[in-house]
Amino acid sequence: INNVTEFLLSGLSQNKKIKSLCFLLFLFCYIAIWMGSFLIINSITCSQLIDQPMYFFLNHLALSELCYTSTVTPKLLTDLLEERSRISYTSCMAQLFAVHFFGGIEIFILTVMAYDRYVAICKPLHYTVIMSRRKCYVLVFACCTGAFLHSFVQSLLTMNLPFCGPNEIDHYFCDVYPLLKLACTDTYSVGILVVANSGMMGLVNFVVLMLSYFLILYTVRVYPAKSRSKALSTCSSHITVVVLFFVPIMYIYIRPAATFPEDKVFALFYTIIAPMFNPLIYTLRNLMMRTAMRKVWCQNPLFTGRRK
């Protein structure tokens, strides 16, 4: 039985000055995310970098990040301008599915990128065979399929819950744990299934990531200093992104189903802050990306025409 047709979102704050400040801050962040993601996608697709598996996956990562943050940030921005934040039941379930779908794609692609670096450094002679273009497409398809299954299960568990009492979600977007808190039934068993679905997915991927980099470090220990530095430089950007994205996600989803006041702050990291910094991390610390960006944008008639 479901008597709730819409939910109220508590948001980040009820103070008007704080809401105005948050609106300006997150509007800047969202514009930066769009510009950074567009820069990466355009620079890779319009250059020869698209033929390299590492940048092929980076291109899909930037696209999934843009979709991921776009499921949350526009709604957050409009809510910050309104007196009371509302979202219909249908829109809430759709947002829940989209957040976990695109977030799942990002997690799986980050794991695939770590595997790509492992093959490139630990098995360089077999790299072109193992990471063929067909294999890259298969891996991306597998990432999307895995994310869809994860999101479908998460949404199915939530939609089967009855909501008949209070309808205020203590968050700025629809997520599983705050919704479990509103369900008018015992959610212990559902909470265990949610942790098994989200928490274990995040944990298993994080373990695979760490194992990949442990094997990389073990392999490069015998390399000369210059070769070791070059091999690790390609991994440093990826490790930084993984830490920024995975640590807050694991804090939220790997624990028993419960909500805490600081959850909103941690959620801001993986929904807005990490997607904003990721393009900077990948471009500023990667010589090939900087070179490709220079070539693509300097050859653009729009910009060359202006200089003339």
C-alpha atoms as a PDB file:
ATOM      1  CA  ILE A   1       0.000   0.000   0.000  1.00  0.00           C
ATOM      2  CA  ASN A   2       1.477   3.332  -1.052  1.00  0.00           C
ATOM      3  CA  ASN A   3      -0.257   6.532   0.040  1.00  0.00           C
ATOM      4  CA  VAL A   4       2.643   8.818  -0.894  1.00  0.00           C
ATOM      5  CA  THR A   5       2.495  10.566  -4.276  1.00  0.00           C
ATOM      6  CA  GLU A   6       5.381  12.968  -3.685  1.00  0.00           C
ATOM      7  CA  PHE A   7       8.340  13.432  -1.373  1.00  0.00           C
ATOM      8  CA  LEU A   8       9.780  16.515   0.302  1.00  0.00           C
ATOM      9  CA  LEU A   9      13.555  16.916   0.154  1.00  0.00           C
ATOM     10  CA  SER A  10      15.162  18.478   3.231  1.00  0.00           C
ATOM     11  CA  GLY A  11      18.071  19.671   1.065  1.00  0.00           C
ATOM     12  CA  LEU A  12      21.362  21.000   2.364  1.00  0.00           C
ATOM     13  CA  SER A  13      19.983  23.831   4.483  1.00  0.00           C
ATOM     14  CA  GLN A  14      16.826  25.851   5.181  1.00  0.00           C
ATOM     15  CA  ASN A  15      18.748  29.107   5.645  1.00  0.00           C
ATOM     16  CA  LYS A  16      18.126  31.423   2.673  1.00  0.00           C
ATOM     17  CA  LYS A  17      21.616  32.951   2.695  1.00  0.00           C
ATOM     18  CA  ILE A  18      23.279  29.545   2.813  1.00  0.00           C
ATOM     19  CA  LYS A  19      20.989  28.292   0.028  1.00  0.00           C
ATOM     20  CA  SER A  20      21.904  31.295  -2.162  1.00  0.00           C
ATOM     21  CA  LEU A  21      25.616  30.719  -1.510  1.00  0.00           C
ATOM     22  CA  CYS A  22      25.255  26.990  -2.280  1.00  0.00           C
ATOM     23  CA  PHE A  23      23.402  27.802  -5.498  1.00  0.00           C
ATOM     24  CA  LEU A  24      26.247  30.004  -6.775  1.00  0.00           C
ATOM     25  CA  LEU A  25      28.890  27.501  -5.681  1.00  0.00           C
ATOM     26  CA  PHE A  26      27.238  24.442  -7.247  1.00  0.00           C
ATOM     27  CA  LEU A  27      26.251  26.338 -10.388  1.00  0.00           C
ATOM     28  CA  PHE A  28      29.944  27.144 -10.872  1.00  0.00           C
ATOM     29  CA  CYS A  29      30.815  23.482 -10.185  1.00  0.00           C
ATOM     30  CA  TYR A  30      28.233  22.223 -12.684  1.00  0.00           C
ATOM     31  CA  ILE A  31      29.441  24.594 -15.417  1.00  0.00           C
ATOM     32  CA  ALA A  32      33.026  23.489 -14.684  1.00  0.00           C
ATOM     33  CA  ILE A  33      31.971  19.817 -14.952  1.00  0.00           C
ATOM     34  CA  TRP A  34      30.343  20.424 -18.353  1.00  0.00           C
ATOM     35  CA  MET A  35      33.341  22.367 -19.668  1.00  0.00           C
ATOM     36  CA  GLY A  36      35.881  19.855 -18.359  1.00  0.00           C
ATOM     37  CA  SER A  37      33.999  16.800 -19.612  1.00  0.00           C
ATOM     38  CA  PHE A  38      33.380  18.395 -23.021  1.00  0.00           C
ATOM     39  CA  LEU A  39      37.065  19.298 -23.247  1.00  0.00           C
ATOM     40  CA  ILE A  40      38.150  15.722 -22.534  1.00  0.00           C
ATOM     41  CA  ILE A  41      35.560  14.098 -24.823  1.00  0.00           C
ATOM     42  CA  ASN A  42      36.249  16.459 -27.730  1.00  0.00           C
ATOM     43  CA  SER A  43      40.050  16.291 -27.324  1.00  0.00           C
ATOM     44  CA  ILE A  44      40.054  12.484 -27.323  1.00  0.00           C
ATOM     45  CA  THR A  45      37.490  11.847 -30.077  1.00  0.00           C
ATOM     46  CA  CYS A  46      39.086  14.413 -32.400  1.00  0.00           C
ATOM     47  CA  SER A  47      42.640  13.106 -31.969  1.00  0.00           C
ATOM     48  CA  GLN A  48      44.519   9.839 -32.327  1.00  0.00           C
ATOM     49  CA  LEU A  49      44.178   9.214 -28.590  1.00  0.00           C
ATOM     50  CA  ILE A  50      40.824   7.542 -29.235  1.00  0.00           C
ATOM     51  CA  ASP A  51      42.760   4.590 -30.715  1.00  0.00           C
ATOM     52  CA  GLN A  52      44.480   3.925 -27.374  1.00  0.00           C
ATOM     53  CA  PRO A  53      42.490   1.833 -24.877  1.00  0.00           C
ATOM     54  CA  MET A  54      43.391   4.039 -21.901  1.00  0.00           C
ATOM     55  CA  TYR A  55      41.908   7.147 -23.537  1.00  0.00           C
ATOM     56  CA  PHE A  56      39.044   5.176 -25.056  1.00  0.00           C
ATOM     57  CA  PHE A  57      37.974   4.308 -21.498  1.00  0.00           C
ATOM     58  CA  LEU A  58      38.707   7.829 -20.260  1.00  0.00           C
ATOM     59  CA  ASN A  59      36.350   9.153 -22.939  1.00  0.00           C
ATOM     60  CA  HIS A  60      33.543   6.897 -21.659  1.00  0.00           C
ATOM     61  CA  LEU A  61      34.390   7.782 -18.060  1.00  0.00           C
ATOM     62  CA  ALA A  62      33.990  11.507 -18.791  1.00  0.00           C
ATOM     63  CA  LEU A  63      30.637  10.851 -20.500  1.00  0.00           C
ATOM     64  CA  SER A  64      29.342   8.679 -17.638  1.00  0.00           C
ATOM     65  CA  GLU A  65      30.452  11.298 -15.077  1.00  0.00           C
ATOM     66  CA  LEU A  66      28.602  14.009 -16.956  1.00  0.00           C
ATOM     67  CA  CYS A  67      25.424  11.909 -17.038  1.00  0.00           C
ATOM     68  CA  TYR A  68      25.876  10.930 -13.397  1.00  0.00           C
ATOM     69  CA  THR A  69      26.162  14.452 -12.025  1.00  0.00           C
ATOM     70  CA  SER A  70      23.345  15.626 -14.335  1.00  0.00           C
ATOM     71  CA  THR A  71      20.905  13.275 -12.597  1.00  0.00           C
ATOM     72  CA  VAL A  72      21.436  15.167  -9.325  1.00  0.00           C
ATOM     73  CA  THR A  73      22.855  18.674  -9.799  1.00  0.00           C
ATOM     74  CA  PRO A  74      20.144  20.384 -11.941  1.00  0.00           C
ATOM     75  CA  LYS A  75      17.451  19.300  -9.470  1.00  0.00           C
ATOM     76  CA  LEU A  76      19.615  20.462  -6.561  1.00  0.00           C
ATOM     77  CA  LEU A  77      20.117  23.883  -8.179  1.00  0.00           C
ATOM     78  CA  THR A  78      16.402  24.434  -8.773  1.00  0.00           C
ATOM     79  CA  ASP A  79      15.582  23.277  -5.230  1.00  0.00           C
ATOM     80  CA  LEU A  80      18.027  25.798  -3.772  1.00  0.00           C
ATOM     81  CA  LEU A  81      15.951  28.575  -5.374  1.00  0.00           C
ATOM     82  CA  GLU A  82      12.635  27.274  -4.069  1.00  0.00           C
ATOM     83  CA  GLU A  83      11.050  27.659  -0.648  1.00  0.00           C
ATOM     84  CA  ARG A  84      10.246  23.949  -0.402  1.00  0.00           C
ATOM     85  CA  SER A  85      11.811  21.115  -2.386  1.00  0.00           C
ATOM     86  CA  ARG A  86       9.403  18.542  -3.789  1.00  0.00           C
ATOM     87  CA  ILE A  87       9.754  15.528  -6.051  1.00  0.00           C
ATOM     88  CA  SER A  88       7.020  13.170  -7.270  1.00  0.00           C
ATOM     89  CA  TYR A  89       7.155   9.477  -6.410  1.00  0.00           C
ATOM     90  CA  THR A  90       7.759   8.541 -10.065  1.00  0.00           C
ATOM     91  CA  SER A  91      10.524  11.133 -10.506  1.00  0.00           C
ATOM     92  CA  CYS A  92      12.121   9.990  -7.258  1.00  0.00           C
ATOM     93  CA  MET A  93      12.274   6.365  -8.422  1.00  0.00           C
ATOM     94  CA  ALA A  94      13.585   7.471 -11.832  1.00  0.00           C
ATOM     95  CA  GLN A  95      16.309   9.548 -10.170  1.00  0.00           C
ATOM     96  CA  LEU A  96      17.220   6.622  -7.912  1.00  0.00           C
ATOM     97  CA  PHE A  97      17.612   4.327 -10.929  1.00  0.00           C
ATOM     98  CA  ALA A  98      19.623   6.895 -12.940  1.00  0.00           C
ATOM     99  CA  VAL A  99      21.985   7.714 -10.054  1.00  0.00           C
ATOM    100  CA  HIS A 100      22.864   4.074  -9.454  1.00  0.00           C
ATOM    101  CA  PHE A 101      23.015   3.255 -13.172  1.00  0.00           C
ATOM    102  CA  PHE A 102      25.479   5.996 -14.153  1.00  0.00           C
ATOM    103  CA  GLY A 103      27.334   5.694 -10.843  1.00  0.00           C
ATOM    104  CA  GLY A 104      27.684   1.956 -11.453  1.00  0.00           C
ATOM    105  CA  ILE A 105      29.058   2.571 -14.954  1.00  0.00           C
ATOM    106  CA  GLU A 106      31.656   4.939 -13.513  1.00  0.00           C
ATOM    107  CA  ILE A 107      32.740   2.417 -10.864  1.00  0.00           C
ATOM    108  CA  PHE A 108      33.089  -0.392 -13.409  1.00  0.00           C
ATOM    109  CA  ILE A 109      34.969   1.794 -15.921  1.00  0.00           C
ATOM    110  CA  LEU A 110      37.429   2.905 -13.223  1.00  0.00           C
ATOM    111  CA  THR A 111      38.061  -0.779 -12.498  1.00  0.00           C
ATOM    112  CA  VAL A 112      38.527  -1.554 -16.204  1.00  0.00           C
ATOM    113  CA  MET A 113      40.997   1.347 -16.493  1.00  0.00           C
ATOM    114  CA  ALA A 114      43.034  -0.158 -13.642  1.00  0.00           C
ATOM    115  CA  TYR A 115      43.036  -3.500 -15.475  1.00  0.00           C
ATOM    116  CA  ASP A 116      44.181  -1.701 -18.638  1.00  0.00           C
ATOM    117  CA  ARG A 117      47.145  -0.161 -16.757  1.00  0.00           C
ATOM    118  CA  TYR A 118      47.989  -3.563 -15.281  1.00  0.00           C
ATOM    119  CA  VAL A 119      48.125  -5.177 -18.726  1.00  0.00           C
ATOM    120  CA  ALA A 120      50.093  -2.245 -20.212  1.00  0.00           C
ATOM    121  CA  ILE A 121      52.773  -2.340 -17.493  1.00  0.00           C
ATOM    122  CA  CYS A 122      52.881  -6.010 -16.454  1.00  0.00           C
ATOM    123  CA  LYS A 123      52.260  -7.617 -19.870  1.00  0.00           C
ATOM    124  CA  PRO A 124      53.454  -5.043 -22.428  1.00  0.00           C
ATOM    125  CA  LEU A 125      54.205  -7.589 -25.179  1.00  0.00           C
ATOM    126  CA  HIS A 126      50.627  -8.893 -25.128  1.00  0.00           C
ATOM    127  CA  TYR A 127      48.966  -5.510 -24.589  1.00  0.00           C
ATOM    128  CA  THR A 128      47.712  -4.909 -28.144  1.00  0.00           C
ATOM    129  CA  VAL A 129      46.264  -8.439 -28.317  1.00  0.00           C
ATOM    130  CA  ILE A 130      44.605  -8.404 -24.878  1.00  0.00           C
ATOM    131  CA  MET A 131      43.264  -4.854 -25.160  1.00  0.00           C
ATOM    132  CA  SER A 132      42.081  -4.976 -28.762  1.00  0.00           C
ATOM    133  CA  ARG A 133      39.384  -2.558 -29.909  1.00  0.00           C
ATOM    134  CA  ARG A 134      36.796  -5.348 -29.899  1.00  0.00           C
ATOM    135  CA  LYS A 135      37.764  -6.229 -26.312  1.00  0.00           C
ATOM    136  CA  CYS A 136      37.416  -2.557 -25.314  1.00  0.00           C
ATOM    137  CA  TYR A 137      33.875  -2.390 -26.690  1.00  0.00           C
ATOM    138  CA  VAL A 138      32.998  -5.652 -24.920  1.00  0.00           C
ATOM    139  CA  LEU A 139      34.330  -4.274 -21.611  1.00  0.00           C
ATOM    140  CA  VAL A 140      32.332  -1.038 -21.951  1.00  0.00           C
ATOM    141  CA  PHE A 141      29.192  -3.043 -22.768  1.00  0.00           C
ATOM    142  CA  ALA A 142      29.858  -5.249 -19.727  1.00  0.00           C
ATOM    143  CA  CYS A 143      30.197  -2.112 -17.555  1.00  0.00           C
ATOM    144  CA  CYS A 144      26.812  -0.827 -18.757  1.00  0.00           C
ATOM    145  CA  THR A 145      25.161  -4.236 -18.295  1.00  0.00           C
ATOM    146  CA  GLY A 146      26.554  -4.645 -14.775  1.00  0.00           C
ATOM    147  CA  ALA A 147      25.451  -1.130 -13.829  1.00  0.00           C
ATOM    148  CA  PHE A 148      21.962  -1.751 -15.230  1.00  0.00           C
ATOM    149  CA  LEU A 149      21.547  -4.961 -13.228  1.00  0.00           C
ATOM    150  CA  HIS A 150      22.802  -3.265 -10.064  1.00  0.00           C
ATOM    151  CA  SER A 151      20.474  -0.298 -10.519  1.00  0.00           C
ATOM    152  CA  PHE A 152      17.513  -2.469 -11.470  1.00  0.00           C
ATOM    153  CA  VAL A 153      17.845  -4.557  -8.283  1.00  0.00           C
ATOM    154  CA  GLN A 154      18.303  -1.423  -6.167  1.00  0.00           C
ATOM    155  CA  SER A 155      15.217   0.226  -7.650  1.00  0.00           C
ATOM    156  CA  LEU A 156      13.128  -2.954  -7.441  1.00  0.00           C
ATOM    157  CA  LEU A 157      13.894  -3.335  -3.735  1.00  0.00           C
ATOM    158  CA  THR A 158      12.880   0.280  -3.107  1.00  0.00           C
ATOM    159  CA  MET A 159       9.723   0.309  -5.230  1.00  0.00           C
ATOM    160  CA  ASN A 160       8.365  -2.725  -3.404  1.00  0.00           C
ATOM    161  CA  LEU A 161       8.447  -0.816  -0.103  1.00  0.00           C
ATOM    162  CA  PRO A 162       5.175   0.697   1.210  1.00  0.00           C
ATOM    163  CA  PHE A 163       5.243   4.452   1.931  1.00  0.00           C
ATOM    164  CA  CYS A 164       2.262   5.542   3.985  1.00  0.00           C
ATOM    165  CA  GLY A 165       3.581   7.917   6.648  1.00  0.00           C
ATOM    166  CA  PRO A 166       5.992  10.875   6.683  1.00  0.00           C
ATOM    167  CA  ASN A 167       7.290  11.796   3.250  1.00  0.00           C
ATOM    168  CA  GLU A 168      10.290  14.045   3.976  1.00  0.00           C
ATOM    169  CA  ILE A 169      13.580  12.639   2.671  1.00  0.00           C
ATOM    170  CA  ASP A 170      16.557  13.756   4.733  1.00  0.00           C
ATOM    171  CA  HIS A 171      18.754  14.310   1.685  1.00  0.00           C
ATOM    172  CA  TYR A 172      19.063  16.514  -1.397  1.00  0.00           C
ATOM    173  CA  PHE A 173      18.268  13.670  -3.821  1.00  0.00           C
ATOM    174  CA  CYS A 174      16.470  10.317  -3.759  1.00  0.00           C
ATOM    175  CA  ASP A 175      18.689   7.551  -2.445  1.00  0.00           C
ATOM    176  CA  VAL A 176      18.044   4.145  -0.945  1.00  0.00           C
ATOM    177  CA  TYR A 177      18.968   4.625   2.714  1.00  0.00           C
ATOM    178  CA  PRO A 178      16.867   7.780   3.298  1.00  0.00           C
ATOM    179  CA  LEU A 179      13.919   6.051   1.568  1.00  0.00           C
ATOM    180  CA  LEU A 180      14.290   2.948   3.743  1.00  0.00           C
ATOM    181  CA  LYS A 181      13.905   5.230   6.742  1.00  0.00           C
ATOM    182  CA  LEU A 182      10.472   6.399   5.473  1.00  0.00           C
ATOM    183  CA  ALA A 183       9.050   2.955   4.666  1.00  0.00           C
ATOM    184  CA  CYS A 184       6.208   1.905   6.982  1.00  0.00           C
ATOM    185  CA  THR A 185       7.422  -1.675   7.366  1.00  0.00           C
ATOM    186  CA  ASP A 186      10.386  -3.552   8.791  1.00  0.00           C
ATOM    187  CA  THR A 187      13.268  -2.876   6.373  1.00  0.00           C
ATOM    188  CA  TYR A 188      15.943  -5.017   8.058  1.00  0.00           C
ATOM    189  CA  SER A 189      15.994  -7.723   5.372  1.00  0.00           C
ATOM    190  CA  VAL A 190      15.755  -5.163   2.556  1.00  0.00           C
ATOM    191  CA  GLY A 191      18.615  -3.211   4.152  1.00  0.00           C
ATOM    192  CA  ILE A 192      20.813  -6.316   4.112  1.00  0.00           C
ATOM    193  CA  LEU A 193      20.035  -6.860   0.415  1.00  0.00           C
ATOM    194  CA  VAL A 194      20.817  -3.203  -0.353  1.00  0.00           C
ATOM    195  CA  VAL A 195      24.169  -3.445   1.444  1.00  0.00           C
ATOM    196  CA  ALA A 196      24.907  -6.705  -0.372  1.00  0.00           C
ATOM    197  CA  ASN A 197      24.090  -5.060  -3.702  1.00  0.00           C
ATOM    198  CA  SER A 198      25.719  -1.627  -3.349  1.00  0.00           C
ATOM    199  CA  GLY A 199      28.285  -2.222  -0.626  1.00  0.00           C
ATOM    200  CA  MET A 200      29.689  -5.450  -2.002  1.00  0.00           C
ATOM    201  CA  MET A 201      29.798  -4.068  -5.542  1.00  0.00           C
ATOM    202  CA  GLY A 202      31.856  -1.101  -4.339  1.00  0.00           C
ATOM    203  CA  LEU A 203      34.068  -3.263  -2.127  1.00  0.00           C
ATOM    204  CA  VAL A 204      34.782  -5.911  -4.773  1.00  0.00           C
ATOM    205  CA  ASN A 205      35.671  -3.294  -7.382  1.00  0.00           C
ATOM    206  CA  PHE A 206      37.867  -1.451  -4.882  1.00  0.00           C
ATOM    207  CA  VAL A 207      39.713  -4.692  -4.014  1.00  0.00           C
ATOM    208  CA  VAL A 208      40.259  -5.406  -7.731  1.00  0.00           C
ATOM    209  CA  LEU A 209      41.591  -1.861  -8.177  1.00  0.00           C
ATOM    210  CA  MET A 210      43.992  -2.190  -5.251  1.00  0.00           C
ATOM    211  CA  LEU A 211      45.116  -5.636  -6.431  1.00  0.00           C
ATOM    212  CA  SER A 212      45.846  -4.247  -9.905  1.00  0.00           C
ATOM    213  CA  TYR A 213      48.015  -1.472  -8.500  1.00  0.00           C
ATOM    214  CA  PHE A 214      49.737  -3.822  -6.051  1.00  0.00           C
ATOM    215  CA  LEU A 215      50.753  -6.027  -8.997  1.00  0.00           C
ATOM    216  CA  ILE A 216      51.880  -2.933 -10.924  1.00  0.00           C
ATOM    217  CA  LEU A 217      54.061  -1.772  -8.012  1.00  0.00           C
ATOM    218  CA  TYR A 218      55.445  -5.284  -7.627  1.00  0.00           C
ATOM    219  CA  THR A 219      56.324  -5.406 -11.341  1.00  0.00           C
ATOM    220  CA  VAL A 220      57.967  -1.960 -11.629  1.00  0.00           C
ATOM    221  CA  ARG A 221      60.163  -2.430  -8.529  1.00  0.00           C
ATOM    222  CA  VAL A 222      62.905  -3.926 -10.766  1.00  0.00           C
ATOM    223  CA  TYR A 223      62.626  -1.227 -13.453  1.00  0.00           C
ATOM    224  CA  PRO A 224      65.289   1.501 -13.779  1.00  0.00           C
ATOM    225  CA  ALA A 225      64.324   4.717 -11.980  1.00  0.00           C
ATOM    226  CA  LYS A 226      63.394   6.561 -15.200  1.00  0.00           C
ATOM    227  CA  SER A 227      61.240   3.724 -16.569  1.00  0.00           C
ATOM    228  CA  ARG A 228      59.625   3.217 -13.160  1.00  0.00           C
ATOM    229  CA  SER A 229      58.731   6.900 -12.943  1.00  0.00           C
ATOM    230  CA  LYS A 230      57.250   6.887 -16.451  1.00  0.00           C
ATOM    231  CA  ALA A 231      55.180   3.758 -15.753  1.00  0.00           C
ATOM    232  CA  LEU A 232      53.799   5.102 -12.478  1.00  0.00           C
ATOM    233  CA  SER A 233      53.047   8.562 -13.891  1.00  0.00           C
ATOM    234  CA  THR A 234      50.285   7.072 -16.056  1.00  0.00           C
ATOM    235  CA  CYS A 235      48.687   5.570 -12.925  1.00  0.00           C
ATOM    236  CA  SER A 236      48.917   8.546 -10.555  1.00  0.00           C
ATOM    237  CA  SER A 237      45.962  10.420 -12.080  1.00  0.00           C
ATOM    238  CA  HIS A 238      43.795   7.329 -11.974  1.00  0.00           C
ATOM    239  CA  ILE A 239      44.657   6.574  -8.337  1.00  0.00           C
ATOM    240  CA  THR A 240      43.754  10.157  -7.336  1.00  0.00           C
ATOM    241  CA  VAL A 241      40.359   9.892  -9.053  1.00  0.00           C
ATOM    242  CA  VAL A 242      39.696   6.489  -7.478  1.00  0.00           C
ATOM    243  CA  VAL A 243      40.388   7.839  -3.963  1.00  0.00           C
ATOM    244  CA  LEU A 244      38.181  10.914  -4.496  1.00  0.00           C
ATOM    245  CA  PHE A 245      35.284   8.822  -5.797  1.00  0.00           C
ATOM    246  CA  PHE A 246      35.511   5.496  -3.952  1.00  0.00           C
ATOM    247  CA  VAL A 247      36.244   6.579  -0.365  1.00  0.00           C
ATOM    248  CA  PRO A 248      32.989   8.556   0.179  1.00  0.00           C
ATOM    249  CA  ILE A 249      30.940   5.939  -1.706  1.00  0.00           C
ATOM    250  CA  MET A 250      32.291   3.111   0.441  1.00  0.00           C
ATOM    251  CA  TYR A 251      31.618   5.131   3.595  1.00  0.00           C
ATOM    252  CA  ILE A 252      27.963   5.530   2.586  1.00  0.00           C
ATOM    253  CA  TYR A 253      27.143   2.091   1.182  1.00  0.00           C
ATOM    254  CA  ILE A 254      29.391  -0.457   2.867  1.00  0.00           C
ATOM    255  CA  ARG A 255      27.942   0.058   6.351  1.00  0.00           C
ATOM    256  CA  PRO A 256      24.570  -1.229   7.668  1.00  0.00           C
ATOM    257  CA  ALA A 257      21.534   0.575   6.236  1.00  0.00           C
ATOM    258  CA  ALA A 258      21.346   3.804   8.245  1.00  0.00           C
ATOM    259  CA  THR A 259      21.491   7.561   7.655  1.00  0.00           C
ATOM    260  CA  PHE A 260      23.730  10.125   9.365  1.00  0.00           C
ATOM    261  CA  PRO A 261      23.840  13.953   9.101  1.00  0.00           C
ATOM    262  CA  GLU A 262      27.281  13.885   7.444  1.00  0.00           C
ATOM    263  CA  ASP A 263      25.996  11.670   4.607  1.00  0.00           C
ATOM    264  CA  LYS A 264      25.038  14.762   2.588  1.00  0.00           C
ATOM    265  CA  VAL A 265      28.601  16.094   2.748  1.00  0.00           C
ATOM    266  CA  PHE A 266      30.066  12.772   1.607  1.00  0.00           C
ATOM    267  CA  ALA A 267      27.440  12.572  -1.159  1.00  0.00           C
ATOM    268  CA  LEU A 268      28.537  15.986  -2.439  1.00  0.00           C
ATOM    269  CA  PHE A 269      32.016  14.549  -2.977  1.00  0.00           C
ATOM    270  CA  TYR A 270      30.975  11.765  -5.328  1.00  0.00           C
ATOM    271  CA  THR A 271      28.088  13.583  -7.066  1.00  0.00           C
ATOM    272  CA  ILE A 272      29.623  17.037  -7.687  1.00  0.00           C
ATOM    273  CA  ILE A 273      33.133  17.638  -6.335  1.00  0.00           C
ATOM    274  CA  ALA A 274      34.882  14.536  -7.737  1.00  0.00           C
ATOM    275  CA  PRO A 275      33.338  14.957 -11.239  1.00  0.00           C
ATOM    276  CA  MET A 276      34.500  18.591 -11.197  1.00  0.00           C
ATOM    277  CA  PHE A 277      38.118  17.786 -10.296  1.00  0.00           C
ATOM    278  CA  ASN A 278      38.504  14.670 -12.454  1.00  0.00           C
ATOM    279  CA  PRO A 279      38.961  16.532 -15.782  1.00  0.00           C
ATOM    280  CA  LEU A 280      41.586  18.755 -14.138  1.00  0.00           C
ATOM    281  CA  ILE A 281      43.409  15.755 -12.697  1.00  0.00           C
ATOM    282  CA  TYR A 282      43.471  13.904 -16.018  1.00  0.00           C
ATOM    283  CA  THR A 283      44.491  16.910 -18.112  1.00  0.00           C
ATOM    284  CA  LEU A 284      46.983  18.751 -15.895  1.00  0.00           C
ATOM    285  CA  ARG A 285      48.899  15.594 -14.953  1.00  0.00           C
ATOM    286  CA  ASN A 286      48.892  13.949 -18.376  1.00  0.00           C
ATOM    287  CA  LEU A 287      51.266  15.194 -21.060  1.00  0.00           C
ATOM    288  CA  MET A 288      49.544  13.329 -23.908  1.00  0.00           C
ATOM    289  CA  MET A 289      46.171  14.832 -22.974  1.00  0.00           C
ATOM    290  CA  ARG A 290      47.640  18.349 -22.849  1.00  0.00           C
ATOM    291  CA  THR A 291      49.319  17.843 -26.230  1.00  0.00           C
ATOM    292  CA  ALA A 292      46.110  16.490 -27.792  1.00  0.00           C
ATOM    293  CA  MET A 293      44.081  19.394 -26.401  1.00  0.00           C
ATOM    294  CA  ARG A 294      46.569  21.885 -27.814  1.00  0.00           C
ATOM    295  CA  LYS A 295      46.439  20.275 -31.268  1.00  0.00           C
ATOM    296  CA  VAL A 296      42.653  19.925 -31.367  1.00  0.00           C
ATOM    297  CA  TRP A 297      41.839  23.421 -30.139  1.00  0.00           C
ATOM    298  CA  CYS A 298      44.633  25.204 -32.004  1.00  0.00           C
ATOM    299  CA  GLN A 299      43.473  23.619 -35.274  1.00  0.00           C
ATOM    300  CA  ASN A 300      39.848  24.594 -34.656  1.00  0.00           C
ATOM    301  CA  PRO A 301      38.856  27.223 -37.292  1.00  0.00           C
ATOM    302  CA  LEU A 302      36.746  29.032 -34.714  1.00  0.00           C
ATOM    303  CA  PHE A 303      39.822  29.784 -32.603  1.00  0.00           C
ATOM    304  CA  THR A 304      42.390  30.113 -35.399  1.00  0.00           C
ATOM    305  CA  GLY A 305      40.064  32.577 -37.154  1.00  0.00           C
ATOM    306  CA  ARG A 306      39.904  34.731 -34.058  1.00  0.00           C
ATOM    307  CA  ARG A 307      43.678  34.872 -33.776  1.00  0.00           C
ATOM    308  CA  LYS A 308      43.965  36.013 -37.385  1.00  0.00           C
END
